[in-house]
Amino acid sequence: MKPVVIFGIGDFARVAAVYLQEDSPYDIAGFTVNEQYIDQPKLNDLDVFPFEQLTQTHPPEEYAMFVAVGFKRVNKARAEVYGACKSLGYELISYICSEATQWGHIEIGDNTFVFEENVIQPFANLGNDVVLWSGNHIGHDAVVGDHCFVASHAVISGNVTIGARSFIGVNATIRDGVRVARDNVIGAGALILADTKPGEVYAGNGTQALAIQSDQLKSFK
């Protein structure tokens, strides 16, 4: 099994390294990013290497990679790095946390990362370069397209399809059978009951303070 170089030096990269070190068979060789963004030589006590030189210092014949980039530009930034690493010949690993719940009969692409407490039901399909942060429900026969990012505690019901590069926010709910189009942003707490169109944005209802004070609530008397 090849040691892994993680692309990224942000929060996702730092956190992903811990999960891989503590809960996977992979050894982490260090981090990489484009040289202009390197502002310190180490991260998590591991070396940071210039991406421009990686094929010389860590050739794809000897090392694998994981692209730990967030949802910048609605996931396009991560998709671009993913493509660049694939074009250089690197194997891109995937990871499912041992504390996620799944019974098999699922499909998962490369460079996909599944955090703890996700429930993935049978016949679900996670594409390439998908991020499932902690605590989501992925229903049976659901399809999460390539380069998607699902935050935490979202409900993606059975037979739902999520289009490529879409972002699903915290506590969003998508009704069974709905097709979310590509490049959508489904905001925190949004409720999606019908198919969407490419590039659409859905915001949850913002929290508004009531016109009374907490000491006036009868249920708290």
N, C-alpha and C. Protein backbone atom coordinates (compact mmCIF):
# COMPACT_ATOMS: atom_id res chain seq x y z
N MET A 1 0.84 -1.19 0.00
CA MET A 1 0.00 0.00 0.00
C MET A 1 0.88 1.25 0.00
N LYS A 2 0.60 2.15 -0.92
CA LYS A 2 1.44 3.34 -1.05
C LYS A 2 1.16 4.34 0.07
N PRO A 3 2.21 5.02 0.57
CA PRO A 3 1.96 6.14 1.47
C PRO A 3 1.25 7.26 0.72
N VAL A 4 0.57 8.12 1.47
CA VAL A 4 -0.32 9.12 0.89
C VAL A 4 0.21 10.52 1.14
N VAL A 5 0.20 11.34 0.10
CA VAL A 5 0.45 12.77 0.22
C VAL A 5 -0.90 13.48 0.11
N ILE A 6 -1.20 14.34 1.06
CA ILE A 6 -2.46 15.08 1.08
C ILE A 6 -2.27 16.43 0.41
N PHE A 7 -3.11 16.73 -0.57
CA PHE A 7 -3.09 18.06 -1.18
C PHE A 7 -3.97 18.98 -0.34
N GLY A 8 -3.37 20.04 0.17
CA GLY A 8 -4.10 21.01 0.97
C GLY A 8 -3.37 21.31 2.26
N ILE A 9 -3.58 22.53 2.76
CA ILE A 9 -2.99 22.91 4.05
C ILE A 9 -4.02 23.64 4.91
N GLY A 10 -5.29 23.54 4.55
CA GLY A 10 -6.35 24.15 5.33
C GLY A 10 -6.93 23.21 6.36
N ASP A 11 -8.07 23.60 6.91
CA ASP A 11 -8.70 22.81 7.97
C ASP A 11 -9.03 21.39 7.52
N PHE A 12 -9.60 21.25 6.32
CA PHE A 12 -9.96 19.92 5.83
C PHE A 12 -8.73 19.03 5.78
N ALA A 13 -7.62 19.55 5.27
CA ALA A 13 -6.40 18.76 5.16
C ALA A 13 -5.89 18.33 6.54
N ARG A 14 -5.87 19.27 7.48
CA ARG A 14 -5.38 18.96 8.83
C ARG A 14 -6.24 17.87 9.48
N VAL A 15 -7.55 18.03 9.34
CA VAL A 15 -8.47 17.07 9.97
C VAL A 15 -8.41 15.73 9.26
N ALA A 16 -8.39 15.73 7.94
CA ALA A 16 -8.33 14.47 7.19
C ALA A 16 -7.09 13.66 7.54
N ALA A 17 -5.97 14.34 7.75
CA ALA A 17 -4.74 13.63 8.11
C ALA A 17 -4.90 12.86 9.40
N VAL A 18 -5.58 13.46 10.38
CA VAL A 18 -5.78 12.77 11.66
C VAL A 18 -6.64 11.52 11.47
N TYR A 19 -7.73 11.65 10.72
CA TYR A 19 -8.59 10.48 10.48
C TYR A 19 -7.81 9.37 9.78
N LEU A 20 -7.04 9.73 8.76
CA LEU A 20 -6.30 8.70 8.03
C LEU A 20 -5.22 8.06 8.90
N GLN A 21 -4.58 8.86 9.76
CA GLN A 21 -3.55 8.32 10.63
C GLN A 21 -4.13 7.40 11.70
N GLU A 22 -5.29 7.77 12.23
CA GLU A 22 -5.85 7.05 13.37
C GLU A 22 -6.83 5.94 12.98
N ASP A 23 -7.37 6.00 11.75
CA ASP A 23 -8.49 5.11 11.43
C ASP A 23 -8.38 4.54 10.02
N SER A 24 -7.17 4.39 9.51
CA SER A 24 -7.00 3.79 8.20
C SER A 24 -5.65 3.09 8.14
N PRO A 25 -5.43 2.24 7.15
CA PRO A 25 -4.14 1.57 7.02
C PRO A 25 -3.07 2.43 6.35
N TYR A 26 -3.42 3.66 5.97
CA TYR A 26 -2.50 4.49 5.19
C TYR A 26 -1.49 5.21 6.08
N ASP A 27 -0.26 5.28 5.59
CA ASP A 27 0.75 6.16 6.17
C ASP A 27 0.72 7.49 5.44
N ILE A 28 0.81 8.59 6.18
CA ILE A 28 0.77 9.92 5.59
C ILE A 28 2.21 10.42 5.41
N ALA A 29 2.58 10.68 4.16
CA ALA A 29 3.94 11.11 3.86
C ALA A 29 4.13 12.61 4.05
N GLY A 30 3.03 13.36 4.05
CA GLY A 30 3.11 14.81 4.20
C GLY A 30 2.01 15.48 3.42
N PHE A 31 2.15 16.79 3.27
CA PHE A 31 1.16 17.60 2.57
C PHE A 31 1.81 18.25 1.35
N THR A 32 0.98 18.66 0.41
CA THR A 32 1.48 19.40 -0.74
C THR A 32 0.48 20.48 -1.11
N VAL A 33 0.98 21.54 -1.72
CA VAL A 33 0.16 22.63 -2.22
C VAL A 33 1.03 23.41 -3.19
N ASN A 34 0.43 24.23 -4.03
CA ASN A 34 1.24 25.04 -4.94
C ASN A 34 2.20 25.92 -4.14
N GLU A 35 3.41 26.03 -4.63
CA GLU A 35 4.49 26.63 -3.85
C GLU A 35 4.17 28.03 -3.34
N GLN A 36 3.43 28.81 -4.10
CA GLN A 36 3.13 30.17 -3.69
C GLN A 36 2.29 30.25 -2.43
N TYR A 37 1.62 29.14 -2.07
CA TYR A 37 0.76 29.13 -0.89
C TYR A 37 1.44 28.53 0.34
N ILE A 38 2.66 28.07 0.21
CA ILE A 38 3.36 27.48 1.35
C ILE A 38 3.87 28.59 2.25
N ASP A 39 3.33 28.67 3.45
CA ASP A 39 3.77 29.71 4.39
C ASP A 39 4.45 29.13 5.63
N GLN A 40 4.55 27.79 5.70
CA GLN A 40 5.27 27.13 6.78
C GLN A 40 5.74 25.78 6.28
N PRO A 41 6.88 25.30 6.77
CA PRO A 41 7.44 24.06 6.23
C PRO A 41 6.75 22.79 6.72
N LYS A 42 5.98 22.88 7.81
CA LYS A 42 5.35 21.69 8.36
C LYS A 42 3.90 21.97 8.72
N LEU A 43 3.10 20.92 8.72
CA LEU A 43 1.71 20.95 9.16
C LEU A 43 1.44 19.63 9.87
N ASN A 44 0.86 19.70 11.06
CA ASN A 44 0.66 18.47 11.86
C ASN A 44 1.97 17.69 12.03
N ASP A 45 3.08 18.43 12.13
CA ASP A 45 4.40 17.83 12.28
C ASP A 45 4.85 17.03 11.06
N LEU A 46 4.21 17.25 9.93
CA LEU A 46 4.59 16.60 8.68
C LEU A 46 5.04 17.66 7.68
N ASP A 47 5.95 17.28 6.78
CA ASP A 47 6.49 18.23 5.81
C ASP A 47 5.44 18.65 4.79
N VAL A 48 5.58 19.89 4.31
CA VAL A 48 4.75 20.42 3.23
C VAL A 48 5.63 20.56 1.99
N PHE A 49 5.23 19.92 0.89
CA PHE A 49 6.03 19.88 -0.33
C PHE A 49 5.40 20.73 -1.43
N PRO A 50 6.21 21.38 -2.26
CA PRO A 50 5.66 22.11 -3.41
C PRO A 50 5.04 21.14 -4.42
N PHE A 51 3.82 21.41 -4.81
CA PHE A 51 3.13 20.53 -5.75
C PHE A 51 3.85 20.49 -7.10
N GLU A 52 4.46 21.63 -7.48
CA GLU A 52 5.14 21.69 -8.77
C GLU A 52 6.30 20.70 -8.87
N GLN A 53 6.83 20.26 -7.74
CA GLN A 53 7.97 19.34 -7.73
C GLN A 53 7.59 17.92 -7.26
N LEU A 54 6.30 17.69 -7.05
CA LEU A 54 5.89 16.45 -6.38
C LEU A 54 6.22 15.20 -7.19
N THR A 55 6.12 15.27 -8.50
CA THR A 55 6.41 14.07 -9.29
C THR A 55 7.88 13.66 -9.18
N GLN A 56 8.76 14.63 -8.83
CA GLN A 56 10.16 14.30 -8.63
C GLN A 56 10.42 13.81 -7.20
N THR A 57 9.81 14.47 -6.22
CA THR A 57 10.07 14.11 -4.82
C THR A 57 9.22 12.94 -4.35
N HIS A 58 8.00 12.81 -4.90
CA HIS A 58 7.07 11.75 -4.50
C HIS A 58 6.35 11.24 -5.75
N PRO A 59 7.03 10.45 -6.56
CA PRO A 59 6.48 10.04 -7.85
C PRO A 59 5.23 9.17 -7.70
N PRO A 60 4.33 9.23 -8.68
CA PRO A 60 3.08 8.47 -8.60
C PRO A 60 3.26 6.96 -8.59
N GLU A 61 4.42 6.49 -9.00
CA GLU A 61 4.68 5.05 -8.92
C GLU A 61 4.86 4.60 -7.47
N GLU A 62 5.18 5.54 -6.58
CA GLU A 62 5.50 5.17 -5.20
C GLU A 62 4.54 5.78 -4.17
N TYR A 63 3.78 6.79 -4.57
CA TYR A 63 2.91 7.48 -3.62
C TYR A 63 1.51 7.64 -4.20
N ALA A 64 0.52 7.60 -3.32
CA ALA A 64 -0.86 7.94 -3.66
C ALA A 64 -1.16 9.33 -3.11
N MET A 65 -2.34 9.85 -3.41
CA MET A 65 -2.71 11.19 -2.95
C MET A 65 -4.16 11.21 -2.47
N PHE A 66 -4.45 12.21 -1.66
CA PHE A 66 -5.83 12.57 -1.35
C PHE A 66 -5.95 14.09 -1.45
N VAL A 67 -6.94 14.57 -2.18
CA VAL A 67 -7.15 16.01 -2.37
C VAL A 67 -8.12 16.50 -1.31
N ALA A 68 -7.61 17.24 -0.32
CA ALA A 68 -8.42 17.74 0.79
C ALA A 68 -8.62 19.24 0.64
N VAL A 69 -9.42 19.59 -0.34
CA VAL A 69 -9.77 20.98 -0.61
C VAL A 69 -11.27 21.11 -0.37
N GLY A 70 -11.71 22.22 0.19
CA GLY A 70 -13.11 22.38 0.55
C GLY A 70 -14.01 22.69 -0.63
N PHE A 71 -15.03 23.53 -0.38
CA PHE A 71 -16.06 23.77 -1.39
C PHE A 71 -15.90 25.13 -2.09
N LYS A 72 -14.68 25.66 -2.11
CA LYS A 72 -14.41 26.93 -2.76
C LYS A 72 -14.88 26.91 -4.22
N ARG A 73 -15.50 28.01 -4.66
CA ARG A 73 -16.06 28.14 -6.01
C ARG A 73 -17.02 27.00 -6.32
N VAL A 74 -17.85 26.70 -5.34
CA VAL A 74 -18.84 25.62 -5.45
C VAL A 74 -18.18 24.34 -5.95
N ASN A 75 -17.14 23.96 -5.24
CA ASN A 75 -16.43 22.69 -5.45
C ASN A 75 -15.56 22.65 -6.71
N LYS A 76 -15.54 23.72 -7.49
CA LYS A 76 -14.74 23.69 -8.71
C LYS A 76 -13.25 23.68 -8.41
N ALA A 77 -12.83 24.34 -7.31
CA ALA A 77 -11.41 24.35 -6.96
C ALA A 77 -10.92 22.94 -6.67
N ARG A 78 -11.68 22.18 -5.90
CA ARG A 78 -11.28 20.81 -5.59
C ARG A 78 -11.31 19.94 -6.85
N ALA A 79 -12.33 20.15 -7.69
CA ALA A 79 -12.41 19.36 -8.93
C ALA A 79 -11.20 19.61 -9.83
N GLU A 80 -10.73 20.85 -9.90
CA GLU A 80 -9.57 21.17 -10.73
C GLU A 80 -8.30 20.49 -10.21
N VAL A 81 -8.10 20.52 -8.88
CA VAL A 81 -6.93 19.86 -8.32
C VAL A 81 -7.03 18.35 -8.51
N TYR A 82 -8.22 17.81 -8.31
CA TYR A 82 -8.45 16.38 -8.55
C TYR A 82 -8.02 16.01 -9.98
N GLY A 83 -8.47 16.80 -10.95
CA GLY A 83 -8.10 16.52 -12.33
C GLY A 83 -6.61 16.61 -12.58
N ALA A 84 -5.97 17.61 -11.95
CA ALA A 84 -4.53 17.77 -12.13
C ALA A 84 -3.76 16.57 -11.57
N CYS A 85 -4.17 16.10 -10.41
CA CYS A 85 -3.48 14.95 -9.80
C CYS A 85 -3.71 13.68 -10.61
N LYS A 86 -4.92 13.49 -11.12
CA LYS A 86 -5.19 12.32 -11.96
C LYS A 86 -4.35 12.37 -13.23
N SER A 87 -4.22 13.55 -13.80
CA SER A 87 -3.46 13.67 -15.06
C SER A 87 -1.99 13.36 -14.86
N LEU A 88 -1.49 13.53 -13.64
CA LEU A 88 -0.10 13.21 -13.34
C LEU A 88 0.09 11.72 -13.02
N GLY A 89 -0.99 10.98 -12.96
CA GLY A 89 -0.89 9.54 -12.77
C GLY A 89 -1.03 9.07 -11.35
N TYR A 90 -1.46 9.94 -10.43
CA TYR A 90 -1.58 9.54 -9.03
C TYR A 90 -2.86 8.75 -8.78
N GLU A 91 -2.74 7.70 -7.98
CA GLU A 91 -3.89 7.03 -7.40
C GLU A 91 -4.47 7.95 -6.33
N LEU A 92 -5.79 8.15 -6.34
CA LEU A 92 -6.45 8.97 -5.34
C LEU A 92 -7.28 8.08 -4.44
N ILE A 93 -6.93 8.07 -3.17
CA ILE A 93 -7.56 7.14 -2.24
C ILE A 93 -8.92 7.65 -1.78
N SER A 94 -9.75 6.74 -1.30
CA SER A 94 -11.00 7.08 -0.63
C SER A 94 -10.98 6.52 0.78
N TYR A 95 -11.83 7.09 1.63
CA TYR A 95 -11.86 6.71 3.05
C TYR A 95 -13.29 6.74 3.56
N ILE A 96 -13.70 5.67 4.24
CA ILE A 96 -14.97 5.64 4.98
C ILE A 96 -14.63 5.39 6.44
N CYS A 97 -15.02 6.31 7.30
CA CYS A 97 -14.72 6.19 8.72
C CYS A 97 -15.31 4.89 9.29
N SER A 98 -14.58 4.28 10.18
CA SER A 98 -15.05 3.04 10.79
C SER A 98 -16.30 3.26 11.64
N GLU A 99 -16.60 4.51 11.99
CA GLU A 99 -17.79 4.82 12.77
C GLU A 99 -18.93 5.35 11.92
N ALA A 100 -18.81 5.23 10.61
CA ALA A 100 -19.96 5.43 9.73
C ALA A 100 -20.73 4.12 9.67
N THR A 101 -22.02 4.20 9.34
CA THR A 101 -22.87 3.01 9.29
C THR A 101 -23.23 2.69 7.85
N GLN A 102 -22.81 1.54 7.40
CA GLN A 102 -23.17 1.09 6.05
C GLN A 102 -23.05 -0.42 6.01
N TRP A 103 -23.92 -1.05 5.23
CA TRP A 103 -23.99 -2.50 5.17
C TRP A 103 -23.52 -3.03 3.83
N GLY A 104 -22.69 -2.26 3.15
CA GLY A 104 -22.24 -2.70 1.84
C GLY A 104 -23.31 -2.43 0.79
N HIS A 105 -23.13 -3.04 -0.37
CA HIS A 105 -24.04 -2.83 -1.50
C HIS A 105 -24.10 -1.35 -1.87
N ILE A 106 -22.97 -0.68 -1.75
CA ILE A 106 -22.87 0.71 -2.16
C ILE A 106 -21.72 0.84 -3.15
N GLU A 107 -21.74 1.91 -3.92
CA GLU A 107 -20.65 2.22 -4.82
C GLU A 107 -19.99 3.51 -4.37
N ILE A 108 -18.68 3.57 -4.48
CA ILE A 108 -17.94 4.76 -4.04
C ILE A 108 -16.79 5.01 -5.00
N GLY A 109 -16.63 6.25 -5.42
CA GLY A 109 -15.57 6.61 -6.34
C GLY A 109 -14.26 6.88 -5.63
N ASP A 110 -13.30 7.44 -6.36
CA ASP A 110 -12.01 7.75 -5.75
C ASP A 110 -12.03 9.17 -5.17
N ASN A 111 -11.09 9.43 -4.29
CA ASN A 111 -10.97 10.71 -3.60
C ASN A 111 -12.26 11.12 -2.88
N THR A 112 -12.95 10.13 -2.34
CA THR A 112 -14.18 10.38 -1.57
C THR A 112 -13.90 10.14 -0.10
N PHE A 113 -14.41 11.03 0.75
CA PHE A 113 -14.10 11.02 2.19
C PHE A 113 -15.40 11.05 2.97
N VAL A 114 -15.61 10.02 3.80
CA VAL A 114 -16.84 9.88 4.58
C VAL A 114 -16.48 9.94 6.07
N PHE A 115 -16.97 10.96 6.74
CA PHE A 115 -16.69 11.13 8.17
C PHE A 115 -17.60 10.24 9.02
N GLU A 116 -17.45 10.36 10.33
CA GLU A 116 -18.19 9.51 11.27
C GLU A 116 -19.68 9.86 11.30
N GLU A 117 -20.47 8.85 11.74
CA GLU A 117 -21.90 8.97 11.97
C GLU A 117 -22.73 9.20 10.70
N ASN A 118 -22.12 9.06 9.54
CA ASN A 118 -22.92 9.02 8.33
C ASN A 118 -23.64 7.68 8.24
N VAL A 119 -24.89 7.69 7.82
CA VAL A 119 -25.65 6.48 7.53
C VAL A 119 -25.82 6.39 6.02
N ILE A 120 -25.27 5.34 5.44
CA ILE A 120 -25.35 5.15 3.99
C ILE A 120 -26.10 3.85 3.73
N GLN A 121 -27.30 3.96 3.20
CA GLN A 121 -28.13 2.79 3.00
C GLN A 121 -27.74 2.04 1.73
N PRO A 122 -28.17 0.77 1.62
CA PRO A 122 -27.80 -0.04 0.46
C PRO A 122 -28.20 0.61 -0.87
N PHE A 123 -27.38 0.33 -1.85
CA PHE A 123 -27.57 0.73 -3.24
C PHE A 123 -27.36 2.23 -3.47
N ALA A 124 -26.81 2.91 -2.47
CA ALA A 124 -26.41 4.30 -2.68
C ALA A 124 -25.14 4.33 -3.52
N ASN A 125 -24.95 5.43 -4.22
CA ASN A 125 -23.79 5.60 -5.10
C ASN A 125 -23.16 6.95 -4.81
N LEU A 126 -21.93 6.92 -4.31
CA LEU A 126 -21.16 8.14 -4.08
C LEU A 126 -20.14 8.25 -5.20
N GLY A 127 -20.13 9.37 -5.90
CA GLY A 127 -19.26 9.53 -7.04
C GLY A 127 -17.81 9.78 -6.66
N ASN A 128 -17.04 10.28 -7.60
CA ASN A 128 -15.65 10.63 -7.36
C ASN A 128 -15.57 11.99 -6.65
N ASP A 129 -14.63 12.10 -5.71
CA ASP A 129 -14.31 13.38 -5.10
C ASP A 129 -15.50 13.96 -4.32
N VAL A 130 -16.17 13.09 -3.58
CA VAL A 130 -17.31 13.48 -2.75
C VAL A 130 -16.86 13.61 -1.30
N VAL A 131 -17.36 14.63 -0.60
CA VAL A 131 -17.10 14.79 0.83
C VAL A 131 -18.42 14.69 1.57
N LEU A 132 -18.51 13.74 2.50
CA LEU A 132 -19.64 13.65 3.42
C LEU A 132 -19.12 13.98 4.81
N TRP A 133 -19.38 15.20 5.28
CA TRP A 133 -18.95 15.55 6.64
C TRP A 133 -19.78 14.76 7.63
N SER A 134 -19.72 15.03 8.89
CA SER A 134 -20.26 14.13 9.91
C SER A 134 -21.80 14.14 9.97
N GLY A 135 -22.37 12.95 10.15
CA GLY A 135 -23.74 12.83 10.61
C GLY A 135 -24.83 12.94 9.57
N ASN A 136 -24.57 12.64 8.31
CA ASN A 136 -25.60 12.74 7.28
C ASN A 136 -26.34 11.41 7.08
N HIS A 137 -27.52 11.50 6.48
CA HIS A 137 -28.28 10.32 6.07
C HIS A 137 -28.32 10.28 4.55
N ILE A 138 -27.81 9.20 3.99
CA ILE A 138 -27.84 8.98 2.54
C ILE A 138 -28.75 7.79 2.29
N GLY A 139 -29.92 8.04 1.76
CA GLY A 139 -30.93 7.00 1.62
C GLY A 139 -30.62 5.99 0.53
N HIS A 140 -31.39 4.91 0.54
CA HIS A 140 -31.20 3.84 -0.44
C HIS A 140 -31.35 4.37 -1.86
N ASP A 141 -30.52 3.87 -2.74
CA ASP A 141 -30.55 4.20 -4.17
C ASP A 141 -30.28 5.67 -4.46
N ALA A 142 -29.83 6.42 -3.47
CA ALA A 142 -29.45 7.81 -3.73
C ALA A 142 -28.14 7.86 -4.51
N VAL A 143 -28.00 8.90 -5.32
CA VAL A 143 -26.78 9.13 -6.10
C VAL A 143 -26.25 10.51 -5.75
N VAL A 144 -25.01 10.55 -5.27
CA VAL A 144 -24.34 11.82 -5.00
C VAL A 144 -23.27 11.97 -6.06
N GLY A 145 -23.42 12.96 -6.92
CA GLY A 145 -22.57 13.09 -8.09
C GLY A 145 -21.14 13.50 -7.78
N ASP A 146 -20.30 13.48 -8.78
CA ASP A 146 -18.88 13.81 -8.63
C ASP A 146 -18.69 15.23 -8.07
N HIS A 147 -17.70 15.37 -7.21
CA HIS A 147 -17.23 16.66 -6.68
C HIS A 147 -18.27 17.36 -5.80
N CYS A 148 -19.17 16.61 -5.21
CA CYS A 148 -20.15 17.22 -4.29
C CYS A 148 -19.58 17.32 -2.88
N PHE A 149 -20.14 18.25 -2.11
CA PHE A 149 -19.77 18.42 -0.70
C PHE A 149 -21.06 18.47 0.10
N VAL A 150 -21.20 17.54 1.04
CA VAL A 150 -22.38 17.49 1.92
C VAL A 150 -21.89 17.82 3.32
N ALA A 151 -22.41 18.90 3.89
CA ALA A 151 -21.95 19.35 5.20
C ALA A 151 -22.40 18.37 6.27
N SER A 152 -23.02 18.78 7.34
CA SER A 152 -23.39 17.86 8.42
C SER A 152 -24.90 17.80 8.64
N HIS A 153 -25.37 16.61 9.00
CA HIS A 153 -26.76 16.38 9.41
C HIS A 153 -27.76 16.72 8.31
N ALA A 154 -27.35 16.55 7.07
CA ALA A 154 -28.29 16.66 5.96
C ALA A 154 -29.01 15.33 5.77
N VAL A 155 -30.23 15.40 5.26
CA VAL A 155 -31.01 14.21 4.93
C VAL A 155 -31.18 14.17 3.42
N ILE A 156 -30.54 13.20 2.80
CA ILE A 156 -30.69 12.95 1.37
C ILE A 156 -31.49 11.66 1.27
N SER A 157 -32.75 11.78 0.95
CA SER A 157 -33.67 10.65 1.05
C SER A 157 -33.46 9.65 -0.08
N GLY A 158 -34.20 8.55 0.00
CA GLY A 158 -34.06 7.49 -0.98
C GLY A 158 -34.37 7.95 -2.39
N ASN A 159 -33.63 7.42 -3.35
CA ASN A 159 -33.82 7.69 -4.78
C ASN A 159 -33.58 9.15 -5.17
N VAL A 160 -32.91 9.90 -4.32
CA VAL A 160 -32.51 11.27 -4.66
C VAL A 160 -31.27 11.23 -5.54
N THR A 161 -31.15 12.17 -6.46
CA THR A 161 -29.94 12.36 -7.24
C THR A 161 -29.42 13.77 -7.00
N ILE A 162 -28.15 13.86 -6.63
CA ILE A 162 -27.49 15.15 -6.43
C ILE A 162 -26.53 15.36 -7.60
N GLY A 163 -26.71 16.44 -8.33
CA GLY A 163 -25.89 16.71 -9.50
C GLY A 163 -24.47 17.10 -9.14
N ALA A 164 -23.59 16.97 -10.10
CA ALA A 164 -22.16 17.21 -9.90
C ALA A 164 -21.90 18.61 -9.35
N ARG A 165 -20.92 18.68 -8.47
CA ARG A 165 -20.37 19.92 -7.90
C ARG A 165 -21.36 20.65 -6.99
N SER A 166 -22.43 20.03 -6.59
CA SER A 166 -23.39 20.71 -5.72
C SER A 166 -22.92 20.70 -4.27
N PHE A 167 -23.41 21.69 -3.53
CA PHE A 167 -23.13 21.81 -2.10
C PHE A 167 -24.43 21.69 -1.34
N ILE A 168 -24.42 20.80 -0.33
CA ILE A 168 -25.60 20.58 0.51
C ILE A 168 -25.25 21.03 1.93
N GLY A 169 -25.95 22.01 2.44
CA GLY A 169 -25.60 22.62 3.71
C GLY A 169 -26.11 21.86 4.93
N VAL A 170 -25.67 22.33 6.08
CA VAL A 170 -26.03 21.73 7.37
C VAL A 170 -27.54 21.68 7.54
N ASN A 171 -28.04 20.50 7.93
CA ASN A 171 -29.46 20.29 8.24
C ASN A 171 -30.40 20.48 7.06
N ALA A 172 -29.89 20.48 5.84
CA ALA A 172 -30.76 20.51 4.68
C ALA A 172 -31.49 19.17 4.55
N THR A 173 -32.69 19.21 3.97
CA THR A 173 -33.49 18.01 3.77
C THR A 173 -33.96 17.96 2.33
N ILE A 174 -33.75 16.81 1.69
CA ILE A 174 -34.17 16.63 0.30
C ILE A 174 -35.12 15.44 0.24
N ARG A 175 -36.33 15.70 -0.19
CA ARG A 175 -37.37 14.67 -0.21
C ARG A 175 -37.03 13.55 -1.17
N ASP A 176 -37.59 12.37 -0.90
CA ASP A 176 -37.29 11.19 -1.71
C ASP A 176 -37.68 11.43 -3.17
N GLY A 177 -36.82 10.93 -4.04
CA GLY A 177 -37.07 10.97 -5.47
C GLY A 177 -36.72 12.27 -6.16
N VAL A 178 -36.29 13.28 -5.41
CA VAL A 178 -35.99 14.59 -6.01
C VAL A 178 -34.65 14.54 -6.72
N ARG A 179 -34.55 15.29 -7.81
CA ARG A 179 -33.30 15.42 -8.55
C ARG A 179 -32.77 16.84 -8.35
N VAL A 180 -31.65 16.95 -7.65
CA VAL A 180 -30.97 18.22 -7.48
C VAL A 180 -29.99 18.36 -8.63
N ALA A 181 -30.09 19.44 -9.38
CA ALA A 181 -29.28 19.61 -10.58
C ALA A 181 -27.83 19.94 -10.22
N ARG A 182 -26.98 19.97 -11.22
CA ARG A 182 -25.56 20.27 -11.03
C ARG A 182 -25.37 21.69 -10.52
N ASP A 183 -24.28 21.91 -9.81
CA ASP A 183 -23.83 23.24 -9.39
C ASP A 183 -24.84 23.97 -8.51
N ASN A 184 -25.67 23.23 -7.80
CA ASN A 184 -26.61 23.86 -6.87
C ASN A 184 -25.95 24.14 -5.53
N VAL A 185 -26.44 25.16 -4.84
CA VAL A 185 -26.10 25.40 -3.44
C VAL A 185 -27.40 25.30 -2.66
N ILE A 186 -27.48 24.27 -1.83
CA ILE A 186 -28.64 24.06 -0.97
C ILE A 186 -28.22 24.50 0.43
N GLY A 187 -28.72 25.62 0.87
CA GLY A 187 -28.24 26.24 2.09
C GLY A 187 -28.64 25.51 3.36
N ALA A 188 -28.06 25.94 4.47
CA ALA A 188 -28.33 25.33 5.76
C ALA A 188 -29.82 25.40 6.08
N GLY A 189 -30.38 24.24 6.44
CA GLY A 189 -31.78 24.17 6.84
C GLY A 189 -32.78 24.22 5.71
N ALA A 190 -32.34 24.24 4.46
CA ALA A 190 -33.27 24.31 3.33
C ALA A 190 -34.04 22.99 3.20
N LEU A 191 -35.28 23.10 2.72
CA LEU A 191 -36.14 21.95 2.47
C LEU A 191 -36.43 21.91 0.98
N ILE A 192 -36.00 20.84 0.30
CA ILE A 192 -36.16 20.71 -1.15
C ILE A 192 -37.19 19.62 -1.42
N LEU A 193 -38.33 20.04 -2.01
CA LEU A 193 -39.44 19.12 -2.24
C LEU A 193 -39.67 18.82 -3.71
N ALA A 194 -38.95 19.49 -4.61
CA ALA A 194 -39.13 19.29 -6.04
C ALA A 194 -37.80 19.41 -6.75
N ASP A 195 -37.74 18.93 -7.98
CA ASP A 195 -36.51 18.99 -8.77
C ASP A 195 -36.04 20.43 -8.92
N THR A 196 -34.71 20.58 -9.03
CA THR A 196 -34.13 21.91 -9.18
C THR A 196 -33.50 22.04 -10.57
N LYS A 197 -33.04 23.26 -10.88
CA LYS A 197 -32.38 23.53 -12.16
C LYS A 197 -30.90 23.82 -11.93
N PRO A 198 -30.05 23.64 -12.96
CA PRO A 198 -28.61 23.86 -12.79
C PRO A 198 -28.30 25.25 -12.27
N GLY A 199 -27.35 25.28 -11.31
CA GLY A 199 -26.83 26.53 -10.81
C GLY A 199 -27.71 27.25 -9.81
N GLU A 200 -28.82 26.65 -9.39
CA GLU A 200 -29.73 27.34 -8.47
C GLU A 200 -29.19 27.37 -7.05
N VAL A 201 -29.69 28.34 -6.29
CA VAL A 201 -29.32 28.53 -4.89
C VAL A 201 -30.59 28.55 -4.05
N TYR A 202 -30.59 27.74 -3.00
CA TYR A 202 -31.73 27.67 -2.08
C TYR A 202 -31.25 27.99 -0.68
N ALA A 203 -31.85 29.02 -0.08
CA ALA A 203 -31.47 29.40 1.29
C ALA A 203 -32.56 28.93 2.25
N GLY A 204 -32.13 28.44 3.42
CA GLY A 204 -33.08 28.13 4.46
C GLY A 204 -33.65 29.41 5.03
N ASN A 205 -34.76 29.29 5.73
CA ASN A 205 -35.34 30.48 6.35
C ASN A 205 -34.42 30.97 7.46
N GLY A 206 -34.02 32.22 7.40
CA GLY A 206 -33.16 32.78 8.44
C GLY A 206 -33.90 32.89 9.76
N THR A 207 -33.16 32.79 10.86
CA THR A 207 -33.75 32.88 12.17
C THR A 207 -34.04 34.32 12.53
N GLN A 208 -35.30 34.60 12.86
CA GLN A 208 -35.70 35.94 13.28
C GLN A 208 -36.12 35.91 14.74
N ALA A 209 -35.68 36.88 15.50
CA ALA A 209 -36.09 36.96 16.91
C ALA A 209 -37.57 37.31 17.00
N LEU A 210 -38.27 36.67 17.95
CA LEU A 210 -39.67 37.00 18.19
C LEU A 210 -39.78 38.35 18.90
N ALA A 211 -40.98 38.88 18.87
CA ALA A 211 -41.20 40.22 19.43
C ALA A 211 -41.46 40.20 20.92
N ILE A 212 -41.10 39.12 21.60
CA ILE A 212 -41.23 39.04 23.05
C ILE A 212 -39.90 38.62 23.66
N GLN A 213 -39.75 38.84 24.95
CA GLN A 213 -38.55 38.46 25.67
C GLN A 213 -38.71 37.06 26.26
N SER A 214 -37.60 36.42 26.53
CA SER A 214 -37.65 35.03 27.02
C SER A 214 -38.39 34.90 28.33
N ASP A 215 -38.37 35.92 29.19
CA ASP A 215 -39.05 35.81 30.48
C ASP A 215 -40.57 35.98 30.34
N GLN A 216 -41.05 36.21 29.12
CA GLN A 216 -42.47 36.33 28.88
C GLN A 216 -43.08 35.03 28.36
N LEU A 217 -42.26 34.04 28.07
CA LEU A 217 -42.76 32.77 27.55
C LEU A 217 -43.47 32.00 28.65
N LYS A 218 -44.73 31.66 28.41
CA LYS A 218 -45.53 30.99 29.43
C LYS A 218 -44.96 29.61 29.75
N SER A 219 -44.42 28.93 28.74
CA SER A 219 -43.93 27.56 28.97
C SER A 219 -42.69 27.54 29.84
N PHE A 220 -42.07 28.70 30.08
CA PHE A 220 -40.89 28.76 30.92
C PHE A 220 -41.19 29.42 32.28
N LYS A 221 -42.46 29.69 32.56
CA LYS A 221 -42.83 30.31 33.85
C LYS A 221 -42.64 29.31 34.99
